Amino acid sequence: MEPKLNIELTATELQNLGVLLDVAIKASGTQGAKAALPIITKLEEKVAEYNASNPSQSIDPPRKVEE
């Protein structure tokens, strides 16, 4: 089993990470998308969990990646 790492991100850091992943995907094409999509999915799930628990302080999920 691979080790896991938990980090905390601000809403701004989350958006910046989404932008960086998007740029990497666009630069590397399909292979980049295959690597990044599981990460983006995890980010979106965590944002949804946070927003469900904190409706008055909801944050936007990272931008959707389009292949």
N, C-alpha and C. Protein backbone atom coordinates (compact mmCIF):
# COMPACT_ATOMS: atom_id res chain seq x y z
N MET A 1 0.84 -1.19 0.00
CA MET A 1 0.00 0.00 0.00
C MET A 1 0.88 1.25 0.00
N GLU A 2 0.50 2.18 -0.82
CA GLU A 2 1.26 3.41 -0.94
C GLU A 2 1.01 4.32 0.26
N PRO A 3 2.03 5.03 0.76
CA PRO A 3 1.81 5.96 1.88
C PRO A 3 0.88 7.10 1.45
N LYS A 4 0.16 7.65 2.40
CA LYS A 4 -0.75 8.76 2.13
C LYS A 4 -0.27 10.00 2.86
N LEU A 5 -0.57 11.16 2.29
CA LEU A 5 -0.19 12.43 2.86
C LEU A 5 -1.43 13.32 2.90
N ASN A 6 -1.71 13.90 4.03
CA ASN A 6 -2.82 14.83 4.17
C ASN A 6 -2.26 16.25 4.27
N ILE A 7 -2.82 17.17 3.50
CA ILE A 7 -2.42 18.56 3.57
C ILE A 7 -3.66 19.44 3.66
N GLU A 8 -3.48 20.63 4.19
CA GLU A 8 -4.57 21.60 4.23
C GLU A 8 -4.28 22.67 3.19
N LEU A 9 -5.31 23.05 2.44
CA LEU A 9 -5.18 24.11 1.45
C LEU A 9 -6.22 25.19 1.72
N THR A 10 -5.83 26.43 1.49
CA THR A 10 -6.82 27.51 1.53
C THR A 10 -7.63 27.43 0.24
N ALA A 11 -8.72 28.15 0.20
CA ALA A 11 -9.53 28.18 -1.03
C ALA A 11 -8.70 28.69 -2.21
N THR A 12 -7.86 29.68 -1.97
CA THR A 12 -7.02 30.22 -3.03
C THR A 12 -6.00 29.19 -3.49
N GLU A 13 -5.38 28.49 -2.56
CA GLU A 13 -4.42 27.45 -2.92
C GLU A 13 -5.09 26.34 -3.72
N LEU A 14 -6.31 25.99 -3.34
CA LEU A 14 -7.06 24.97 -4.07
C LEU A 14 -7.29 25.41 -5.52
N GLN A 15 -7.71 26.64 -5.70
CA GLN A 15 -7.94 27.15 -7.05
C GLN A 15 -6.64 27.19 -7.85
N ASN A 16 -5.55 27.61 -7.21
CA ASN A 16 -4.26 27.65 -7.89
C ASN A 16 -3.81 26.25 -8.29
N LEU A 17 -4.02 25.27 -7.43
CA LEU A 17 -3.67 23.90 -7.76
C LEU A 17 -4.49 23.41 -8.95
N GLY A 18 -5.77 23.76 -8.97
CA GLY A 18 -6.62 23.40 -10.10
C GLY A 18 -6.11 24.00 -11.41
N VAL A 19 -5.67 25.26 -11.35
CA VAL A 19 -5.13 25.92 -12.54
C VAL A 19 -3.85 25.22 -12.99
N LEU A 20 -2.98 24.90 -12.05
CA LEU A 20 -1.73 24.22 -12.40
C LEU A 20 -1.98 22.86 -13.02
N LEU A 21 -2.93 22.11 -12.47
CA LEU A 21 -3.27 20.81 -13.05
C LEU A 21 -3.83 20.98 -14.46
N ASP A 22 -4.66 21.99 -14.63
CA ASP A 22 -5.25 22.26 -15.95
C ASP A 22 -4.16 22.58 -16.97
N VAL A 23 -3.21 23.40 -16.59
CA VAL A 23 -2.11 23.76 -17.49
C VAL A 23 -1.28 22.52 -17.82
N ALA A 24 -0.99 21.71 -16.81
CA ALA A 24 -0.20 20.50 -17.04
C ALA A 24 -0.91 19.54 -18.00
N ILE A 25 -2.22 19.43 -17.84
CA ILE A 25 -3.00 18.55 -18.71
C ILE A 25 -2.96 19.06 -20.15
N LYS A 26 -3.15 20.36 -20.30
CA LYS A 26 -3.15 20.93 -21.65
C LYS A 26 -1.78 20.78 -22.31
N ALA A 27 -0.72 20.86 -21.50
CA ALA A 27 0.62 20.75 -22.05
C ALA A 27 1.00 19.31 -22.38
N SER A 28 0.44 18.35 -21.64
CA SER A 28 0.86 16.96 -21.83
C SER A 28 -0.20 16.08 -22.49
N GLY A 29 -1.36 16.62 -22.74
CA GLY A 29 -2.40 15.87 -23.46
C GLY A 29 -3.02 14.75 -22.65
N THR A 30 -3.36 13.68 -23.34
CA THR A 30 -4.11 12.58 -22.75
C THR A 30 -3.38 11.94 -21.58
N GLN A 31 -2.06 11.77 -21.70
CA GLN A 31 -1.31 11.14 -20.62
C GLN A 31 -1.39 11.99 -19.36
N GLY A 32 -1.30 13.29 -19.50
CA GLY A 32 -1.42 14.18 -18.35
C GLY A 32 -2.80 14.12 -17.74
N ALA A 33 -3.81 14.02 -18.60
CA ALA A 33 -5.18 13.94 -18.11
C ALA A 33 -5.39 12.66 -17.29
N LYS A 34 -4.83 11.56 -17.77
CA LYS A 34 -4.97 10.30 -17.04
C LYS A 34 -4.34 10.38 -15.66
N ALA A 35 -3.23 11.09 -15.54
CA ALA A 35 -2.56 11.24 -14.26
C ALA A 35 -3.29 12.22 -13.34
N ALA A 36 -3.82 13.29 -13.91
CA ALA A 36 -4.41 14.36 -13.10
C ALA A 36 -5.86 14.12 -12.69
N LEU A 37 -6.62 13.42 -13.51
CA LEU A 37 -8.05 13.27 -13.21
C LEU A 37 -8.33 12.62 -11.85
N PRO A 38 -7.60 11.59 -11.43
CA PRO A 38 -7.87 11.04 -10.10
C PRO A 38 -7.60 12.06 -8.98
N ILE A 39 -6.59 12.90 -9.17
CA ILE A 39 -6.28 13.92 -8.17
C ILE A 39 -7.40 14.96 -8.13
N ILE A 40 -7.84 15.40 -9.28
CA ILE A 40 -8.92 16.40 -9.34
C ILE A 40 -10.20 15.83 -8.75
N THR A 41 -10.47 14.56 -9.01
CA THR A 41 -11.66 13.92 -8.44
C THR A 41 -11.60 13.94 -6.92
N LYS A 42 -10.44 13.61 -6.35
CA LYS A 42 -10.29 13.65 -4.90
C LYS A 42 -10.49 15.06 -4.36
N LEU A 43 -9.94 16.06 -5.05
CA LEU A 43 -10.12 17.44 -4.62
C LEU A 43 -11.60 17.83 -4.64
N GLU A 44 -12.29 17.47 -5.70
CA GLU A 44 -13.71 17.80 -5.81
C GLU A 44 -14.52 17.13 -4.69
N GLU A 45 -14.19 15.87 -4.36
CA GLU A 45 -14.89 15.17 -3.28
C GLU A 45 -14.69 15.87 -1.95
N LYS A 46 -13.45 16.28 -1.67
CA LYS A 46 -13.16 16.96 -0.40
C LYS A 46 -13.85 18.31 -0.33
N VAL A 47 -13.90 19.03 -1.45
CA VAL A 47 -14.60 20.31 -1.47
C VAL A 47 -16.09 20.09 -1.20
N ALA A 48 -16.68 19.07 -1.80
CA ALA A 48 -18.10 18.78 -1.59
C ALA A 48 -18.36 18.44 -0.12
N GLU A 49 -17.47 17.65 0.49
CA GLU A 49 -17.61 17.31 1.91
C GLU A 49 -17.53 18.57 2.78
N TYR A 50 -16.56 19.42 2.47
CA TYR A 50 -16.40 20.66 3.24
C TYR A 50 -17.63 21.55 3.09
N ASN A 51 -18.10 21.71 1.85
CA ASN A 51 -19.26 22.57 1.61
C ASN A 51 -20.51 22.04 2.29
N ALA A 52 -20.67 20.72 2.36
CA ALA A 52 -21.83 20.14 3.04
C ALA A 52 -21.78 20.44 4.54
N SER A 53 -20.57 20.48 5.09
CA SER A 53 -20.41 20.73 6.53
C SER A 53 -20.36 22.21 6.87
N ASN A 54 -20.07 23.05 5.88
CA ASN A 54 -19.90 24.49 6.12
C ASN A 54 -20.63 25.30 5.06
N PRO A 55 -21.97 25.19 5.01
CA PRO A 55 -22.70 25.86 3.93
C PRO A 55 -22.54 27.38 3.91
N SER A 56 -22.29 28.00 5.05
CA SER A 56 -22.14 29.45 5.06
C SER A 56 -20.75 29.90 4.63
N GLN A 57 -19.81 28.95 4.50
CA GLN A 57 -18.45 29.29 4.09
C GLN A 57 -18.01 28.40 2.93
N SER A 58 -18.90 28.10 2.02
CA SER A 58 -18.58 27.17 0.94
C SER A 58 -17.48 27.74 0.04
N ILE A 59 -16.73 26.82 -0.55
CA ILE A 59 -15.67 27.20 -1.47
C ILE A 59 -15.93 26.56 -2.82
N ASP A 60 -15.39 27.16 -3.86
CA ASP A 60 -15.56 26.63 -5.21
C ASP A 60 -14.62 25.46 -5.43
N PRO A 61 -15.08 24.41 -6.11
CA PRO A 61 -14.18 23.31 -6.45
C PRO A 61 -13.20 23.77 -7.51
N PRO A 62 -12.11 23.00 -7.69
CA PRO A 62 -11.19 23.36 -8.76
C PRO A 62 -11.90 23.32 -10.10
N ARG A 63 -11.37 24.04 -11.05
CA ARG A 63 -12.00 24.07 -12.38
C ARG A 63 -12.07 22.69 -12.97
N LYS A 64 -13.14 22.44 -13.70
CA LYS A 64 -13.29 21.15 -14.39
C LYS A 64 -12.27 21.05 -15.52
N VAL A 65 -11.72 19.90 -15.67
CA VAL A 65 -10.76 19.65 -16.73
C VAL A 65 -11.49 19.03 -17.90
N GLU A 66 -11.24 19.55 -19.09
CA GLU A 66 -11.87 19.01 -20.29
C GLU A 66 -10.79 18.44 -21.18
N GLU A 67 -10.99 17.17 -21.57
CA GLU A 67 -10.01 16.53 -22.44
C GLU A 67 -10.22 16.99 -23.86
